Amino acid sequence: MIYEIKNDRFTAQVDSLGAQLLSLKDETGFERIWVADPNYWHEHAPVLFPIVGALREDKVKIGGSWVTMGRHGFAKRTQFQQAKEGEGSIALTLTPTEATKACYPFDFALTVAYQLTEEGYITTFTVENTGDQPMPYVIGGHPGFNLPVGEGKFEDYTIQFERDEDQKCPVIEEGSCLINYEDCAYQLQGREIPLRHDLFYRDALVFDGLRSGWVRVVDKATGRGVEMDFSQFPMLGIWSAKNDGPYVCLEPWTGCATLTTEGDDYEQKKGMAFLAPGEKQSHAFTVKFL
């Protein structure tokens, strides 16, 4: 089912399948969310849970047993139920199914809430352990944004960070999609990366423990673009498909794909969080359109 929410500036659509944000148009009618053109990338803004990225050969060991799970987990492929709708807002919740239990043997409630603002929107992920044992999880967002905004071209834009940074982006290995911290895909020094398609020919740029709390992709000549506050997430991915698509994804993560240097125990994956029985935790990111 497709839900629509509005405020005085924006109109958004949210799909019950995966609780995915499908569309967000501003008052001019311009579509801000990537249109999912299958010639480039067929999704809009998937929710990543209970893993981000790839597992080694799509397998992981949970509680001593091997399970199979596709890239970015099962949430984006599963129907959510509407939990609450308000003025310019909606929340949808996912609870276990027979299919989720087969690969993630925990009792949980995952609520994805969208709130429109005067400048854009806020996405809040709330993860709750409804079972009687400690529950590990990783969660992330993957929203794509149409570029350019209005006239111009992709290369007119630049990636800007809140603060000066000095960080090596690890390589996402071709084929396995595992993360190799022993190799460098890009060296960030300073606050700015000129946007160009070949940045993503080796997959996403992965940043870990940045000093910055926000990032923006902006046309310096016009000031148009998008800004994300990801300060509640320790990791950030920036991505566009290697086929030169007219969009960019800003991806806040709590964890990432399996590292080439780590094993296959789910509980020991990088960035793993744990909830005690009855505990819940929220993670939010804010998008502002420039």
C-alpha atoms as a PDB file:
ATOM      1  CA  MET A   1       0.000   0.000   0.000  1.00  0.00           C
ATOM      2  CA  ILE A   2       1.169   3.521  -0.820  1.00  0.00           C
ATOM      3  CA  TYR A   3       0.621   6.198   1.852  1.00  0.00           C
ATOM      4  CA  GLU A   4       0.735   9.942   1.169  1.00  0.00           C
ATOM      5  CA  ILE A   5       1.655  12.639   3.670  1.00  0.00           C
ATOM      6  CA  LYS A   6       1.844  16.411   3.179  1.00  0.00           C
ATOM      7  CA  ASN A   7       2.749  19.693   4.773  1.00  0.00           C
ATOM      8  CA  ASP A   8       2.672  23.187   3.294  1.00  0.00           C
ATOM      9  CA  ARG A   9       5.920  22.626   1.345  1.00  0.00           C
ATOM     10  CA  PHE A  10       6.248  18.931   0.554  1.00  0.00           C
ATOM     11  CA  THR A  11       4.231  15.916  -0.541  1.00  0.00           C
ATOM     12  CA  ALA A  12       5.676  12.471   0.151  1.00  0.00           C
ATOM     13  CA  GLN A  13       4.741   8.872  -0.622  1.00  0.00           C
ATOM     14  CA  VAL A  14       5.741   5.892   1.520  1.00  0.00           C
ATOM     15  CA  ASP A  15       5.388   2.239   0.521  1.00  0.00           C
ATOM     16  CA  SER A  16       4.286  -0.369   3.044  1.00  0.00           C
ATOM     17  CA  LEU A  17       6.719  -2.737   1.296  1.00  0.00           C
ATOM     18  CA  GLY A  18       9.943  -2.033   3.108  1.00  0.00           C
ATOM     19  CA  ALA A  19       8.616   1.242   4.607  1.00  0.00           C
ATOM     20  CA  GLN A  20      10.463   2.893   1.729  1.00  0.00           C
ATOM     21  CA  LEU A  21      10.178   6.576   0.909  1.00  0.00           C
ATOM     22  CA  LEU A  22       9.140   6.534  -2.751  1.00  0.00           C
ATOM     23  CA  SER A  23       8.680  10.204  -3.510  1.00  0.00           C
ATOM     24  CA  LEU A  24       9.102  13.645  -2.026  1.00  0.00           C
ATOM     25  CA  LYS A  25       8.115  16.613  -4.168  1.00  0.00           C
ATOM     26  CA  ASP A  26       8.621  20.226  -3.202  1.00  0.00           C
ATOM     27  CA  GLU A  27       6.188  23.065  -3.849  1.00  0.00           C
ATOM     28  CA  THR A  28       7.502  23.455  -7.405  1.00  0.00           C
ATOM     29  CA  GLY A  29       6.712  19.823  -8.181  1.00  0.00           C
ATOM     30  CA  PHE A  30      10.381  18.841  -8.446  1.00  0.00           C
ATOM     31  CA  GLU A  31      10.989  15.248  -7.353  1.00  0.00           C
ATOM     32  CA  ARG A  32      13.727  15.162  -4.729  1.00  0.00           C
ATOM     33  CA  ILE A  33      13.891  11.376  -4.172  1.00  0.00           C
ATOM     34  CA  TRP A  34      15.567   9.221  -6.803  1.00  0.00           C
ATOM     35  CA  VAL A  35      12.981   7.966  -9.309  1.00  0.00           C
ATOM     36  CA  ALA A  36      14.238   4.340  -9.337  1.00  0.00           C
ATOM     37  CA  ASP A  37      14.963   4.253 -13.058  1.00  0.00           C
ATOM     38  CA  PRO A  38      15.912   0.566 -13.571  1.00  0.00           C
ATOM     39  CA  ASN A  39      18.473   1.569 -16.180  1.00  0.00           C
ATOM     40  CA  TYR A  40      20.550   2.888 -13.265  1.00  0.00           C
ATOM     41  CA  TRP A  41      19.222   1.706  -9.871  1.00  0.00           C
ATOM     42  CA  HIS A  42      15.778   0.241  -9.229  1.00  0.00           C
ATOM     43  CA  GLU A  43      15.227   1.446  -5.640  1.00  0.00           C
ATOM     44  CA  HIS A  44      14.395   4.798  -4.026  1.00  0.00           C
ATOM     45  CA  ALA A  45      15.386   4.805  -0.346  1.00  0.00           C
ATOM     46  CA  PRO A  46      15.507   1.298   1.142  1.00  0.00           C
ATOM     47  CA  VAL A  47      15.691   0.585   4.879  1.00  0.00           C
ATOM     48  CA  LEU A  48      18.678  -1.630   5.765  1.00  0.00           C
ATOM     49  CA  PHE A  49      18.034  -4.120   8.591  1.00  0.00           C
ATOM     50  CA  PRO A  50      19.302  -6.258  10.332  1.00  0.00           C
ATOM     51  CA  ILE A  51      22.495  -5.942   8.276  1.00  0.00           C
ATOM     52  CA  VAL A  52      24.024  -3.222   6.144  1.00  0.00           C
ATOM     53  CA  GLY A  53      25.880  -4.298   3.024  1.00  0.00           C
ATOM     54  CA  ALA A  54      26.911  -7.832   2.134  1.00  0.00           C
ATOM     55  CA  LEU A  55      27.752 -10.964   4.061  1.00  0.00           C
ATOM     56  CA  ARG A  56      30.438 -13.361   2.921  1.00  0.00           C
ATOM     57  CA  GLU A  57      28.629 -15.507   0.304  1.00  0.00           C
ATOM     58  CA  ASP A  58      25.315 -14.227   1.775  1.00  0.00           C
ATOM     59  CA  LYS A  59      25.788 -16.341   4.897  1.00  0.00           C
ATOM     60  CA  VAL A  60      26.323 -15.602   8.580  1.00  0.00           C
ATOM     61  CA  LYS A  61      26.370 -17.596  11.823  1.00  0.00           C
ATOM     62  CA  ILE A  62      23.781 -16.527  14.434  1.00  0.00           C
ATOM     63  CA  GLY A  63      23.729 -18.321  17.761  1.00  0.00           C
ATOM     64  CA  GLY A  64      25.951 -21.042  16.337  1.00  0.00           C
ATOM     65  CA  SER A  65      23.720 -21.773  13.317  1.00  0.00           C
ATOM     66  CA  TRP A  66      24.330 -20.738   9.716  1.00  0.00           C
ATOM     67  CA  VAL A  67      21.652 -18.667   8.001  1.00  0.00           C
ATOM     68  CA  THR A  68      21.366 -17.036   4.572  1.00  0.00           C
ATOM     69  CA  MET A  69      20.582 -13.344   4.186  1.00  0.00           C
ATOM     70  CA  GLY A  70      20.742 -11.132   1.108  1.00  0.00           C
ATOM     71  CA  ARG A  71      22.558  -7.835   0.834  1.00  0.00           C
ATOM     72  CA  HIS A  72      21.202  -5.136   3.185  1.00  0.00           C
ATOM     73  CA  GLY A  73      18.927  -7.607   5.010  1.00  0.00           C
ATOM     74  CA  PHE A  74      15.239  -8.438   4.747  1.00  0.00           C
ATOM     75  CA  ALA A  75      13.404  -5.289   5.882  1.00  0.00           C
ATOM     76  CA  LYS A  76      13.353  -3.745   2.415  1.00  0.00           C
ATOM     77  CA  ARG A  77      11.710  -6.886   1.029  1.00  0.00           C
ATOM     78  CA  THR A  78       9.045  -7.250   3.747  1.00  0.00           C
ATOM     79  CA  GLN A  79       5.619  -5.694   4.295  1.00  0.00           C
ATOM     80  CA  PHE A  80       5.279  -3.271   7.202  1.00  0.00           C
ATOM     81  CA  GLN A  81       2.037  -2.426   8.986  1.00  0.00           C
ATOM     82  CA  GLN A  82       0.860   1.133   9.522  1.00  0.00           C
ATOM     83  CA  ALA A  83       1.385   2.068  13.144  1.00  0.00           C
ATOM     84  CA  LYS A  84       0.491   5.761  13.239  1.00  0.00           C
ATOM     85  CA  GLU A  85      -0.328   8.645  10.929  1.00  0.00           C
ATOM     86  CA  GLY A  86      -0.349  12.332  11.805  1.00  0.00           C
ATOM     87  CA  GLU A  87      -0.027  15.739  10.205  1.00  0.00           C
ATOM     88  CA  GLY A  88       2.824  15.414   7.751  1.00  0.00           C
ATOM     89  CA  SER A  89       3.992  12.184   9.363  1.00  0.00           C
ATOM     90  CA  ILE A  90       3.632   8.428   9.259  1.00  0.00           C
ATOM     91  CA  ALA A  91       5.115   5.462  11.116  1.00  0.00           C
ATOM     92  CA  LEU A  92       5.161   1.849   9.951  1.00  0.00           C
ATOM     93  CA  THR A  93       6.197  -1.203  11.951  1.00  0.00           C
ATOM     94  CA  LEU A  94       7.693  -4.561  11.058  1.00  0.00           C
ATOM     95  CA  THR A  95       7.409  -7.562  13.375  1.00  0.00           C
ATOM     96  CA  PRO A  96       8.741 -11.098  12.830  1.00  0.00           C
ATOM     97  CA  THR A  97       7.335 -13.381  10.174  1.00  0.00           C
ATOM     98  CA  GLU A  98       8.104 -17.001   9.401  1.00  0.00           C
ATOM     99  CA  ALA A  99      10.497 -15.791   6.709  1.00  0.00           C
ATOM    100  CA  THR A 100      12.361 -13.371   8.990  1.00  0.00           C
ATOM    101  CA  LYS A 101      12.637 -15.987  11.741  1.00  0.00           C
ATOM    102  CA  ALA A 102      14.388 -18.313   9.291  1.00  0.00           C
ATOM    103  CA  CYS A 103      17.339 -15.930   9.003  1.00  0.00           C
ATOM    104  CA  TYR A 104      17.030 -13.701  12.085  1.00  0.00           C
ATOM    105  CA  PRO A 105      15.779 -15.757  15.046  1.00  0.00           C
ATOM    106  CA  PHE A 106      14.778 -12.854  17.292  1.00  0.00           C
ATOM    107  CA  ASP A 107      11.539 -11.224  18.426  1.00  0.00           C
ATOM    108  CA  PHE A 108      11.631  -7.560  17.499  1.00  0.00           C
ATOM    109  CA  ALA A 109       9.647  -4.535  16.407  1.00  0.00           C
ATOM    110  CA  LEU A 110      11.191  -2.178  13.857  1.00  0.00           C
ATOM    111  CA  THR A 111       9.350   1.120  13.420  1.00  0.00           C
ATOM    112  CA  VAL A 112      10.261   3.503  10.610  1.00  0.00           C
ATOM    113  CA  ALA A 113       8.806   7.005  11.016  1.00  0.00           C
ATOM    114  CA  TYR A 114       8.846   9.902   8.560  1.00  0.00           C
ATOM    115  CA  GLN A 115       8.146  13.482   9.616  1.00  0.00           C
ATOM    116  CA  LEU A 116       7.993  16.276   7.044  1.00  0.00           C
ATOM    117  CA  THR A 117       9.529  19.595   8.087  1.00  0.00           C
ATOM    118  CA  GLU A 118       9.675  23.050   6.550  1.00  0.00           C
ATOM    119  CA  GLU A 119      13.086  22.207   5.092  1.00  0.00           C
ATOM    120  CA  GLY A 120      12.794  18.503   4.298  1.00  0.00           C
ATOM    121  CA  TYR A 121      12.129  15.463   6.467  1.00  0.00           C
ATOM    122  CA  ILE A 122      13.288  13.382   9.426  1.00  0.00           C
ATOM    123  CA  THR A 123      13.583   9.595   9.357  1.00  0.00           C
ATOM    124  CA  THR A 124      13.591   7.784  12.700  1.00  0.00           C
ATOM    125  CA  PHE A 125      14.350   4.083  13.090  1.00  0.00           C
ATOM    126  CA  THR A 126      13.219   2.571  16.414  1.00  0.00           C
ATOM    127  CA  VAL A 127      14.369  -0.962  17.141  1.00  0.00           C
ATOM    128  CA  GLU A 128      12.784  -2.839  20.054  1.00  0.00           C
ATOM    129  CA  ASN A 129      13.683  -6.213  21.539  1.00  0.00           C
ATOM    130  CA  THR A 130      10.351  -7.903  22.251  1.00  0.00           C
ATOM    131  CA  GLY A 131      11.944 -11.227  23.138  1.00  0.00           C
ATOM    132  CA  ASP A 132      13.589 -12.735  26.194  1.00  0.00           C
ATOM    133  CA  GLN A 133      17.227 -12.825  25.033  1.00  0.00           C
ATOM    134  CA  PRO A 134      19.771 -10.149  24.061  1.00  0.00           C
ATOM    135  CA  MET A 135      19.201  -9.037  20.470  1.00  0.00           C
ATOM    136  CA  PRO A 136      21.985  -7.880  18.122  1.00  0.00           C
ATOM    137  CA  TYR A 137      21.221  -5.637  15.157  1.00  0.00           C
ATOM    138  CA  VAL A 138      22.598  -3.217  12.595  1.00  0.00           C
ATOM    139  CA  ILE A 139      20.475  -0.617  10.821  1.00  0.00           C
ATOM    140  CA  GLY A 140      20.947   1.990   8.129  1.00  0.00           C
ATOM    141  CA  GLY A 141      19.301   4.288   5.616  1.00  0.00           C
ATOM    142  CA  HIS A 142      19.902   4.400   1.856  1.00  0.00           C
ATOM    143  CA  PRO A 143      17.990   7.389   0.409  1.00  0.00           C
ATOM    144  CA  GLY A 144      18.799   8.450  -3.134  1.00  0.00           C
ATOM    145  CA  PHE A 145      18.437  12.072  -4.279  1.00  0.00           C
ATOM    146  CA  ASN A 146      17.935  13.284  -7.839  1.00  0.00           C
ATOM    147  CA  LEU A 147      20.781  15.367  -9.259  1.00  0.00           C
ATOM    148  CA  PRO A 148      21.039  17.877 -10.749  1.00  0.00           C
ATOM    149  CA  VAL A 149      18.375  20.056  -9.111  1.00  0.00           C
ATOM    150  CA  GLY A 150      17.118  22.166 -12.001  1.00  0.00           C
ATOM    151  CA  GLU A 151      19.651  23.197 -14.630  1.00  0.00           C
ATOM    152  CA  GLY A 152      23.250  22.038 -14.690  1.00  0.00           C
ATOM    153  CA  LYS A 153      25.015  18.704 -14.548  1.00  0.00           C
ATOM    154  CA  PHE A 154      26.187  16.136 -12.002  1.00  0.00           C
ATOM    155  CA  GLU A 155      29.758  17.432 -12.008  1.00  0.00           C
ATOM    156  CA  ASP A 156      28.612  20.922 -10.984  1.00  0.00           C
ATOM    157  CA  TYR A 157      28.090  19.563  -7.461  1.00  0.00           C
ATOM    158  CA  THR A 158      30.492  19.048  -4.608  1.00  0.00           C
ATOM    159  CA  ILE A 159      30.332  16.964  -1.416  1.00  0.00           C
ATOM    160  CA  GLN A 160      30.920  19.156   1.638  1.00  0.00           C
ATOM    161  CA  PHE A 161      31.449  18.054   5.242  1.00  0.00           C
ATOM    162  CA  GLU A 162      30.827  20.050   8.388  1.00  0.00           C
ATOM    163  CA  ARG A 163      34.463  19.888   9.504  1.00  0.00           C
ATOM    164  CA  ASP A 164      37.897  19.193   8.096  1.00  0.00           C
ATOM    165  CA  GLU A 165      38.498  15.452   7.827  1.00  0.00           C
ATOM    166  CA  ASP A 166      41.502  13.190   7.280  1.00  0.00           C
ATOM    167  CA  GLN A 167      40.312   9.711   6.479  1.00  0.00           C
ATOM    168  CA  LYS A 168      40.934   6.823   4.116  1.00  0.00           C
ATOM    169  CA  CYS A 169      37.854   5.174   2.631  1.00  0.00           C
ATOM    170  CA  PRO A 170      38.235   1.378   2.549  1.00  0.00           C
ATOM    171  CA  VAL A 171      37.728  -0.594  -0.647  1.00  0.00           C
ATOM    172  CA  ILE A 172      34.496  -2.518  -1.243  1.00  0.00           C
ATOM    173  CA  GLU A 173      35.791  -5.544  -3.093  1.00  0.00           C
ATOM    174  CA  GLU A 174      34.291  -6.329  -6.470  1.00  0.00           C
ATOM    175  CA  GLY A 175      32.281  -9.541  -6.521  1.00  0.00           C
ATOM    176  CA  SER A 176      32.176 -10.306  -2.796  1.00  0.00           C
ATOM    177  CA  CYS A 177      31.239  -6.699  -1.770  1.00  0.00           C
ATOM    178  CA  LEU A 178      33.203  -7.211   1.450  1.00  0.00           C
ATOM    179  CA  ILE A 179      34.987  -4.211   2.974  1.00  0.00           C
ATOM    180  CA  ASN A 180      38.771  -4.171   2.870  1.00  0.00           C
ATOM    181  CA  TYR A 181      40.243  -1.674   5.334  1.00  0.00           C
ATOM    182  CA  GLU A 182      43.760  -2.649   4.244  1.00  0.00           C
ATOM    183  CA  ASP A 183      43.250  -0.933   0.883  1.00  0.00           C
ATOM    184  CA  CYS A 184      42.216   2.651   0.120  1.00  0.00           C
ATOM    185  CA  ALA A 185      39.488   3.679  -2.317  1.00  0.00           C
ATOM    186  CA  TYR A 186      39.689   7.414  -1.599  1.00  0.00           C
ATOM    187  CA  GLN A 187      41.665   9.687   0.700  1.00  0.00           C
ATOM    188  CA  LEU A 188      39.578  12.493   2.180  1.00  0.00           C
ATOM    189  CA  GLN A 189      41.613  15.459   3.346  1.00  0.00           C
ATOM    190  CA  GLY A 190      39.738  18.611   4.208  1.00  0.00           C
ATOM    191  CA  ARG A 191      36.035  19.288   3.899  1.00  0.00           C
ATOM    192  CA  GLU A 192      35.241  18.881   0.219  1.00  0.00           C
ATOM    193  CA  ILE A 193      35.099  16.269  -2.568  1.00  0.00           C
ATOM    194  CA  PRO A 194      34.222  17.449  -6.090  1.00  0.00           C
ATOM    195  CA  LEU A 195      31.398  15.206  -7.274  1.00  0.00           C
ATOM    196  CA  ARG A 196      32.105  13.025 -10.286  1.00  0.00           C
ATOM    197  CA  HIS A 197      30.828   9.646 -11.410  1.00  0.00           C
ATOM    198  CA  ASP A 198      34.163   7.828 -11.265  1.00  0.00           C
ATOM    199  CA  LEU A 199      34.246   8.271  -7.487  1.00  0.00           C
ATOM    200  CA  PHE A 200      31.800   5.355  -7.375  1.00  0.00           C
ATOM    201  CA  TYR A 201      33.283   3.021  -9.968  1.00  0.00           C
ATOM    202  CA  ARG A 202      34.590   0.911  -7.061  1.00  0.00           C
ATOM    203  CA  ASP A 203      31.243   1.117  -5.198  1.00  0.00           C
ATOM    204  CA  ALA A 204      30.429   3.411  -2.252  1.00  0.00           C
ATOM    205  CA  LEU A 205      32.740   5.741  -0.382  1.00  0.00           C
ATOM    206  CA  VAL A 206      32.652   4.490   3.226  1.00  0.00           C
ATOM    207  CA  PHE A 207      33.439   6.863   6.104  1.00  0.00           C
ATOM    208  CA  ASP A 208      33.888   5.687   9.682  1.00  0.00           C
ATOM    209  CA  GLY A 209      33.916   7.925  12.763  1.00  0.00           C
ATOM    210  CA  LEU A 210      33.903  11.274  11.006  1.00  0.00           C
ATOM    211  CA  ARG A 211      34.311  14.444  13.050  1.00  0.00           C
ATOM    212  CA  SER A 212      31.463  15.975  11.033  1.00  0.00           C
ATOM    213  CA  GLY A 213      27.799  15.614  11.978  1.00  0.00           C
ATOM    214  CA  TRP A 214      26.437  16.657   8.595  1.00  0.00           C
ATOM    215  CA  VAL A 215      27.249  16.323   4.914  1.00  0.00           C
ATOM    216  CA  ARG A 216      25.802  18.127   1.920  1.00  0.00           C
ATOM    217  CA  VAL A 217      25.857  17.722  -1.839  1.00  0.00           C
ATOM    218  CA  VAL A 218      25.539  21.183  -3.318  1.00  0.00           C
ATOM    219  CA  ASP A 219      25.988  23.173  -6.508  1.00  0.00           C
ATOM    220  CA  LYS A 220      28.266  25.956  -5.309  1.00  0.00           C
ATOM    221  CA  ALA A 221      27.099  28.254  -8.095  1.00  0.00           C
ATOM    222  CA  THR A 222      23.387  28.005  -7.252  1.00  0.00           C
ATOM    223  CA  GLY A 223      23.336  26.729  -3.661  1.00  0.00           C
ATOM    224  CA  ARG A 224      20.885  23.982  -4.663  1.00  0.00           C
ATOM    225  CA  GLY A 225      21.270  20.484  -3.285  1.00  0.00           C
ATOM    226  CA  VAL A 226      20.675  18.330  -0.219  1.00  0.00           C
ATOM    227  CA  GLU A 227      22.088  18.188   3.317  1.00  0.00           C
ATOM    228  CA  MET A 228      21.934  15.314   5.817  1.00  0.00           C
ATOM    229  CA  ASP A 229      22.527  15.369   9.566  1.00  0.00           C
ATOM    230  CA  PHE A 230      23.822  11.835  10.293  1.00  0.00           C
ATOM    231  CA  SER A 231      25.250  12.600  13.739  1.00  0.00           C
ATOM    232  CA  GLN A 232      23.406   9.682  15.403  1.00  0.00           C
ATOM    233  CA  PHE A 233      25.191   7.181  13.152  1.00  0.00           C
ATOM    234  CA  PRO A 234      28.892   6.236  13.401  1.00  0.00           C
ATOM    235  CA  MET A 235      29.275   5.450   9.693  1.00  0.00           C
ATOM    236  CA  LEU A 236      28.313   7.110   6.415  1.00  0.00           C
ATOM    237  CA  GLY A 237      28.217   5.762   2.881  1.00  0.00           C
ATOM    238  CA  ILE A 238      28.023   7.948  -0.223  1.00  0.00           C
ATOM    239  CA  TRP A 239      27.119   6.111  -3.415  1.00  0.00           C
ATOM    240  CA  SER A 240      25.872   6.238  -6.952  1.00  0.00           C
ATOM    241  CA  ALA A 241      25.848   3.293  -9.358  1.00  0.00           C
ATOM    242  CA  LYS A 242      28.897   2.904 -11.593  1.00  0.00           C
ATOM    243  CA  ASN A 243      26.720   3.402 -14.692  1.00  0.00           C
ATOM    244  CA  ASP A 244      26.727   7.197 -14.228  1.00  0.00           C
ATOM    245  CA  GLY A 245      23.216   7.596 -12.817  1.00  0.00           C
ATOM    246  CA  PRO A 246      21.813  11.114 -12.199  1.00  0.00           C
ATOM    247  CA  TYR A 247      21.513  10.748  -8.424  1.00  0.00           C
ATOM    248  CA  VAL A 248      23.543  10.320  -5.261  1.00  0.00           C
ATOM    249  CA  CYS A 249      22.773   8.356  -2.075  1.00  0.00           C
ATOM    250  CA  LEU A 250      23.662   9.563   1.407  1.00  0.00           C
ATOM    251  CA  GLU A 251      23.607   6.528   3.701  1.00  0.00           C
ATOM    252  CA  PRO A 252      23.813   6.707   7.518  1.00  0.00           C
ATOM    253  CA  TRP A 253      24.770   3.338   9.022  1.00  0.00           C
ATOM    254  CA  THR A 254      25.347   1.860  12.479  1.00  0.00           C
ATOM    255  CA  GLY A 255      27.445  -0.942  10.949  1.00  0.00           C
ATOM    256  CA  CYS A 256      28.620  -2.179   7.587  1.00  0.00           C
ATOM    257  CA  ALA A 257      29.298  -5.143   5.327  1.00  0.00           C
ATOM    258  CA  THR A 258      31.459  -8.022   6.523  1.00  0.00           C
ATOM    259  CA  LEU A 259      35.124  -7.051   6.664  1.00  0.00           C
ATOM    260  CA  THR A 260      37.713  -9.114   4.817  1.00  0.00           C
ATOM    261  CA  THR A 261      39.549  -9.426   8.143  1.00  0.00           C
ATOM    262  CA  GLU A 262      36.617 -10.617  10.285  1.00  0.00           C
ATOM    263  CA  GLY A 263      34.852 -13.932  10.631  1.00  0.00           C
ATOM    264  CA  ASP A 264      31.213 -14.782  10.008  1.00  0.00           C
ATOM    265  CA  ASP A 265      29.727 -14.627  13.515  1.00  0.00           C
ATOM    266  CA  TYR A 266      26.885 -12.114  13.353  1.00  0.00           C
ATOM    267  CA  GLU A 267      27.300 -10.981  16.940  1.00  0.00           C
ATOM    268  CA  GLN A 268      30.930 -10.001  16.279  1.00  0.00           C
ATOM    269  CA  LYS A 269      30.355  -7.925  13.133  1.00  0.00           C
ATOM    270  CA  LYS A 270      31.645  -4.367  13.041  1.00  0.00           C
ATOM    271  CA  GLY A 271      29.198  -1.888  14.563  1.00  0.00           C
ATOM    272  CA  MET A 272      26.945  -4.508  16.143  1.00  0.00           C
ATOM    273  CA  ALA A 273      24.541  -3.102  18.735  1.00  0.00           C
ATOM    274  CA  PHE A 274      22.733  -5.142  21.381  1.00  0.00           C
ATOM    275  CA  LEU A 275      19.368  -4.631  23.052  1.00  0.00           C
ATOM    276  CA  ALA A 276      18.412  -6.277  26.325  1.00  0.00           C
ATOM    277  CA  PRO A 277      14.947  -7.865  26.534  1.00  0.00           C
ATOM    278  CA  GLY A 278      12.333  -5.107  26.527  1.00  0.00           C
ATOM    279  CA  GLU A 279      14.851  -2.430  25.528  1.00  0.00           C
ATOM    280  CA  LYS A 280      14.450  -0.119  22.525  1.00  0.00           C
ATOM    281  CA  GLN A 281      16.762   2.295  20.717  1.00  0.00           C
ATOM    282  CA  SER A 282      16.086   5.053  18.169  1.00  0.00           C
ATOM    283  CA  HIS A 283      18.372   6.348  15.427  1.00  0.00           C
ATOM    284  CA  ALA A 284      17.346   9.400  13.400  1.00  0.00           C
ATOM    285  CA  PHE A 285      18.708  11.344  10.458  1.00  0.00           C
ATOM    286  CA  THR A 286      17.495  14.680   9.113  1.00  0.00           C
ATOM    287  CA  VAL A 287      17.413  15.734   5.449  1.00  0.00           C
ATOM    288  CA  LYS A 288      17.298  19.376   4.443  1.00  0.00           C
ATOM    289  CA  PHE A 289      16.828  20.462   0.834  1.00  0.00           C
ATOM    290  CA  LEU A 290      18.872  23.443  -0.217  1.00  0.00           C
END
